[in-house]
Amino acid sequence: MKKKLVYGLSLGIISYFVYTMLKESERIQDQQAESRDGIFQKDSEKLEELKFDSLVENEKEIQEKILALNKRVKEIKRKMDECEENLTAL
């Protein structure tokens, strides 16, 4: 009887330690998964910011090019008007 009691208690203690180790392992895996998700989320936010910044920079460059082209068009129109005036004078 004593052997069965010792055997049962030993089995119970071992089962408890195995159970707690599994729970701890599961908790660690959950923490690692959360930290990975957090890292991926931070990385994706940084990428979105970079994309937005590059879009803003590209938009500024495009606006500058448009302004330069508008100035050039005005200059060409002015020259065309001068040429027309010179031709009508002849």
N, C-alpha and C. Protein backbone atom coordinates (compact mmCIF):
# COMPACT_ATOMS: atom_id res chain seq x y z
N MET A 1 0.81 -1.19 0.00
CA MET A 1 0.00 0.00 0.00
C MET A 1 0.86 1.26 0.00
N LYS A 2 1.95 1.20 0.80
CA LYS A 2 2.83 2.34 0.89
C LYS A 2 3.47 2.63 -0.46
N LYS A 3 3.85 1.56 -1.17
CA LYS A 3 4.48 1.73 -2.47
C LYS A 3 3.52 2.39 -3.45
N LYS A 4 2.25 1.98 -3.40
CA LYS A 4 1.27 2.56 -4.31
C LYS A 4 1.05 4.04 -4.00
N LEU A 5 1.05 4.39 -2.72
CA LEU A 5 0.88 5.78 -2.33
C LEU A 5 2.06 6.63 -2.79
N VAL A 6 3.28 6.12 -2.57
CA VAL A 6 4.49 6.83 -3.01
C VAL A 6 4.49 6.94 -4.53
N TYR A 7 4.13 5.86 -5.20
CA TYR A 7 4.08 5.86 -6.66
C TYR A 7 3.05 6.88 -7.17
N GLY A 8 1.89 6.92 -6.56
CA GLY A 8 0.84 7.86 -6.96
C GLY A 8 1.25 9.31 -6.72
N LEU A 9 1.85 9.57 -5.55
CA LEU A 9 2.32 10.92 -5.25
C LEU A 9 3.43 11.34 -6.22
N SER A 10 4.35 10.42 -6.49
CA SER A 10 5.44 10.72 -7.43
C SER A 10 4.88 11.03 -8.81
N LEU A 11 3.93 10.22 -9.23
CA LEU A 11 3.32 10.43 -10.54
C LEU A 11 2.57 11.77 -10.58
N GLY A 12 1.90 12.11 -9.50
CA GLY A 12 1.19 13.39 -9.42
C GLY A 12 2.15 14.57 -9.46
N ILE A 13 3.25 14.48 -8.72
CA ILE A 13 4.24 15.56 -8.70
C ILE A 13 4.87 15.73 -10.07
N ILE A 14 5.24 14.62 -10.69
CA ILE A 14 5.84 14.67 -12.03
C ILE A 14 4.84 15.26 -13.03
N SER A 15 3.60 14.83 -12.93
CA SER A 15 2.56 15.36 -13.83
C SER A 15 2.40 16.86 -13.64
N TYR A 16 2.43 17.32 -12.40
CA TYR A 16 2.30 18.74 -12.12
C TYR A 16 3.47 19.52 -12.74
N PHE A 17 4.70 19.01 -12.58
CA PHE A 17 5.86 19.70 -13.15
C PHE A 17 5.80 19.72 -14.67
N VAL A 18 5.39 18.61 -15.27
CA VAL A 18 5.26 18.56 -16.73
C VAL A 18 4.20 19.56 -17.19
N TYR A 19 3.09 19.60 -16.47
CA TYR A 19 2.01 20.53 -16.81
C TYR A 19 2.49 21.99 -16.72
N THR A 20 3.19 22.33 -15.63
CA THR A 20 3.66 23.70 -15.47
C THR A 20 4.72 24.05 -16.52
N MET A 21 5.56 23.09 -16.88
CA MET A 21 6.57 23.34 -17.91
C MET A 21 5.90 23.58 -19.26
N LEU A 22 4.87 22.80 -19.57
CA LEU A 22 4.14 23.00 -20.83
C LEU A 22 3.45 24.36 -20.86
N LYS A 23 2.84 24.75 -19.75
CA LYS A 23 2.18 26.05 -19.67
C LYS A 23 3.20 27.18 -19.85
N GLU A 24 4.35 27.04 -19.20
CA GLU A 24 5.40 28.06 -19.31
C GLU A 24 5.91 28.14 -20.75
N SER A 25 6.09 26.99 -21.36
CA SER A 25 6.54 26.95 -22.75
C SER A 25 5.52 27.62 -23.66
N GLU A 26 4.26 27.35 -23.43
CA GLU A 26 3.18 27.95 -24.22
C GLU A 26 3.15 29.46 -24.03
N ARG A 27 3.35 29.92 -22.80
CA ARG A 27 3.37 31.35 -22.50
C ARG A 27 4.54 32.02 -23.21
N ILE A 28 5.70 31.39 -23.21
CA ILE A 28 6.88 31.94 -23.88
C ILE A 28 6.64 32.03 -25.38
N GLN A 29 6.03 31.00 -25.95
CA GLN A 29 5.74 31.02 -27.39
C GLN A 29 4.76 32.14 -27.73
N ASP A 30 3.76 32.34 -26.87
CA ASP A 30 2.81 33.43 -27.10
C ASP A 30 3.50 34.79 -27.04
N GLN A 31 4.41 34.95 -26.07
CA GLN A 31 5.14 36.21 -25.97
C GLN A 31 6.00 36.44 -27.20
N GLN A 32 6.66 35.39 -27.68
CA GLN A 32 7.49 35.52 -28.87
C GLN A 32 6.64 35.87 -30.09
N ALA A 33 5.48 35.25 -30.19
CA ALA A 33 4.59 35.54 -31.32
C ALA A 33 4.11 36.99 -31.25
N GLU A 34 3.76 37.46 -30.05
CA GLU A 34 3.32 38.84 -29.90
C GLU A 34 4.45 39.81 -30.24
N SER A 35 5.67 39.49 -29.80
CA SER A 35 6.78 40.40 -30.10
C SER A 35 7.07 40.40 -31.59
N ARG A 36 6.96 39.23 -32.25
CA ARG A 36 7.16 39.19 -33.70
C ARG A 36 6.09 40.00 -34.41
N ASP A 37 4.84 39.85 -33.96
CA ASP A 37 3.75 40.62 -34.56
C ASP A 37 3.99 42.11 -34.37
N GLY A 38 4.45 42.48 -33.18
CA GLY A 38 4.74 43.89 -32.91
C GLY A 38 5.85 44.41 -33.80
N ILE A 39 6.88 43.59 -34.00
CA ILE A 39 7.99 44.00 -34.86
C ILE A 39 7.51 44.15 -36.29
N PHE A 40 6.71 43.18 -36.77
CA PHE A 40 6.20 43.26 -38.13
C PHE A 40 5.30 44.48 -38.30
N GLN A 41 4.51 44.77 -37.29
CA GLN A 41 3.62 45.93 -37.36
C GLN A 41 4.44 47.21 -37.40
N LYS A 42 5.48 47.30 -36.57
CA LYS A 42 6.33 48.49 -36.58
C LYS A 42 7.02 48.64 -37.92
N ASP A 43 7.52 47.51 -38.47
CA ASP A 43 8.18 47.56 -39.77
C ASP A 43 7.21 48.01 -40.85
N SER A 44 5.98 47.49 -40.81
CA SER A 44 5.02 47.88 -41.84
C SER A 44 4.65 49.35 -41.70
N GLU A 45 4.55 49.85 -40.45
CA GLU A 45 4.27 51.27 -40.26
C GLU A 45 5.41 52.13 -40.80
N LYS A 46 6.66 51.69 -40.56
CA LYS A 46 7.81 52.43 -41.09
C LYS A 46 7.80 52.43 -42.61
N LEU A 47 7.46 51.29 -43.20
CA LEU A 47 7.39 51.23 -44.66
C LEU A 47 6.32 52.16 -45.20
N GLU A 48 5.17 52.19 -44.54
CA GLU A 48 4.10 53.09 -44.98
C GLU A 48 4.54 54.54 -44.88
N GLU A 49 5.26 54.88 -43.79
CA GLU A 49 5.76 56.25 -43.64
C GLU A 49 6.76 56.57 -44.74
N LEU A 50 7.64 55.61 -45.03
CA LEU A 50 8.63 55.84 -46.09
C LEU A 50 7.94 56.01 -47.44
N LYS A 51 6.93 55.18 -47.69
CA LYS A 51 6.20 55.30 -48.95
C LYS A 51 5.53 56.67 -49.04
N PHE A 52 4.92 57.10 -47.94
CA PHE A 52 4.26 58.40 -47.93
C PHE A 52 5.27 59.52 -48.13
N ASP A 53 6.42 59.43 -47.43
CA ASP A 53 7.46 60.44 -47.58
C ASP A 53 7.97 60.49 -49.00
N SER A 54 8.19 59.32 -49.60
CA SER A 54 8.68 59.29 -50.97
C SER A 54 7.62 59.83 -51.93
N LEU A 55 6.34 59.56 -51.64
CA LEU A 55 5.27 60.11 -52.48
C LEU A 55 5.24 61.62 -52.38
N VAL A 56 5.41 62.13 -51.17
CA VAL A 56 5.42 63.58 -50.98
C VAL A 56 6.60 64.19 -51.72
N GLU A 57 7.78 63.55 -51.62
CA GLU A 57 8.95 64.05 -52.33
C GLU A 57 8.73 64.00 -53.84
N ASN A 58 8.17 62.89 -54.32
CA ASN A 58 7.88 62.77 -55.75
C ASN A 58 6.87 63.81 -56.18
N GLU A 59 5.88 64.07 -55.34
CA GLU A 59 4.86 65.06 -55.67
C GLU A 59 5.51 66.45 -55.77
N LYS A 60 6.42 66.76 -54.85
CA LYS A 60 7.11 68.05 -54.89
C LYS A 60 7.92 68.17 -56.17
N GLU A 61 8.63 67.10 -56.53
CA GLU A 61 9.43 67.12 -57.76
C GLU A 61 8.53 67.32 -58.98
N ILE A 62 7.41 66.64 -58.99
CA ILE A 62 6.47 66.76 -60.11
C ILE A 62 5.92 68.18 -60.18
N GLN A 63 5.57 68.75 -59.04
CA GLN A 63 5.05 70.12 -59.03
C GLN A 63 6.11 71.10 -59.54
N GLU A 64 7.37 70.89 -59.15
CA GLU A 64 8.44 71.76 -59.63
C GLU A 64 8.59 71.63 -61.14
N LYS A 65 8.51 70.42 -61.65
CA LYS A 65 8.61 70.21 -63.09
C LYS A 65 7.45 70.86 -63.83
N ILE A 66 6.26 70.76 -63.25
CA ILE A 66 5.08 71.38 -63.87
C ILE A 66 5.24 72.89 -63.91
N LEU A 67 5.72 73.48 -62.81
CA LEU A 67 5.94 74.93 -62.80
C LEU A 67 6.97 75.33 -63.85
N ALA A 68 8.05 74.55 -63.97
CA ALA A 68 9.07 74.85 -64.97
C ALA A 68 8.48 74.75 -66.37
N LEU A 69 7.67 73.73 -66.61
CA LEU A 69 7.04 73.58 -67.93
C LEU A 69 6.05 74.71 -68.21
N ASN A 70 5.30 75.13 -67.20
CA ASN A 70 4.36 76.24 -67.39
C ASN A 70 5.11 77.52 -67.74
N LYS A 71 6.24 77.77 -67.09
CA LYS A 71 7.05 78.94 -67.41
C LYS A 71 7.55 78.86 -68.84
N ARG A 72 7.99 77.67 -69.22
CA ARG A 72 8.50 77.48 -70.58
C ARG A 72 7.39 77.70 -71.62
N VAL A 73 6.19 77.19 -71.33
CA VAL A 73 5.06 77.37 -72.25
C VAL A 73 4.74 78.86 -72.38
N LYS A 74 4.73 79.60 -71.27
CA LYS A 74 4.46 81.04 -71.32
C LYS A 74 5.51 81.75 -72.16
N GLU A 75 6.77 81.35 -71.98
CA GLU A 75 7.86 81.96 -72.75
C GLU A 75 7.70 81.67 -74.24
N ILE A 76 7.35 80.44 -74.57
CA ILE A 76 7.16 80.07 -75.98
C ILE A 76 5.98 80.85 -76.56
N LYS A 77 4.89 80.98 -75.80
CA LYS A 77 3.74 81.75 -76.28
C LYS A 77 4.13 83.21 -76.52
N ARG A 78 4.92 83.77 -75.60
CA ARG A 78 5.36 85.15 -75.75
C ARG A 78 6.20 85.30 -77.02
N LYS A 79 7.11 84.36 -77.26
CA LYS A 79 7.95 84.40 -78.46
C LYS A 79 7.10 84.25 -79.72
N MET A 80 6.09 83.38 -79.65
CA MET A 80 5.21 83.21 -80.81
C MET A 80 4.44 84.50 -81.10
N ASP A 81 3.98 85.17 -80.04
CA ASP A 81 3.27 86.44 -80.22
C ASP A 81 4.21 87.48 -80.83
N GLU A 82 5.46 87.52 -80.38
CA GLU A 82 6.44 88.45 -80.95
C GLU A 82 6.66 88.16 -82.43
N CYS A 83 6.76 86.86 -82.75
CA CYS A 83 6.97 86.48 -84.16
C CYS A 83 5.77 86.90 -85.01
N GLU A 84 4.56 86.70 -84.50
CA GLU A 84 3.36 87.09 -85.24
C GLU A 84 3.33 88.61 -85.46
N GLU A 85 3.71 89.37 -84.43
CA GLU A 85 3.75 90.82 -84.56
C GLU A 85 4.77 91.24 -85.62
N ASN A 86 5.93 90.58 -85.60
CA ASN A 86 6.97 90.90 -86.59
C ASN A 86 6.51 90.54 -88.00
N LEU A 87 5.79 89.44 -88.14
CA LEU A 87 5.32 89.03 -89.47
C LEU A 87 4.24 89.98 -89.98
N THR A 88 3.34 90.42 -89.11
CA THR A 88 2.28 91.33 -89.55
C THR A 88 2.86 92.70 -89.90
N ALA A 89 3.95 93.04 -89.25
CA ALA A 89 4.57 94.33 -89.56
C ALA A 89 5.21 94.30 -90.95
N LEU A 90 5.66 93.14 -91.38
CA LEU A 90 6.28 93.03 -92.70
C LEU A 90 5.20 93.05 -93.72
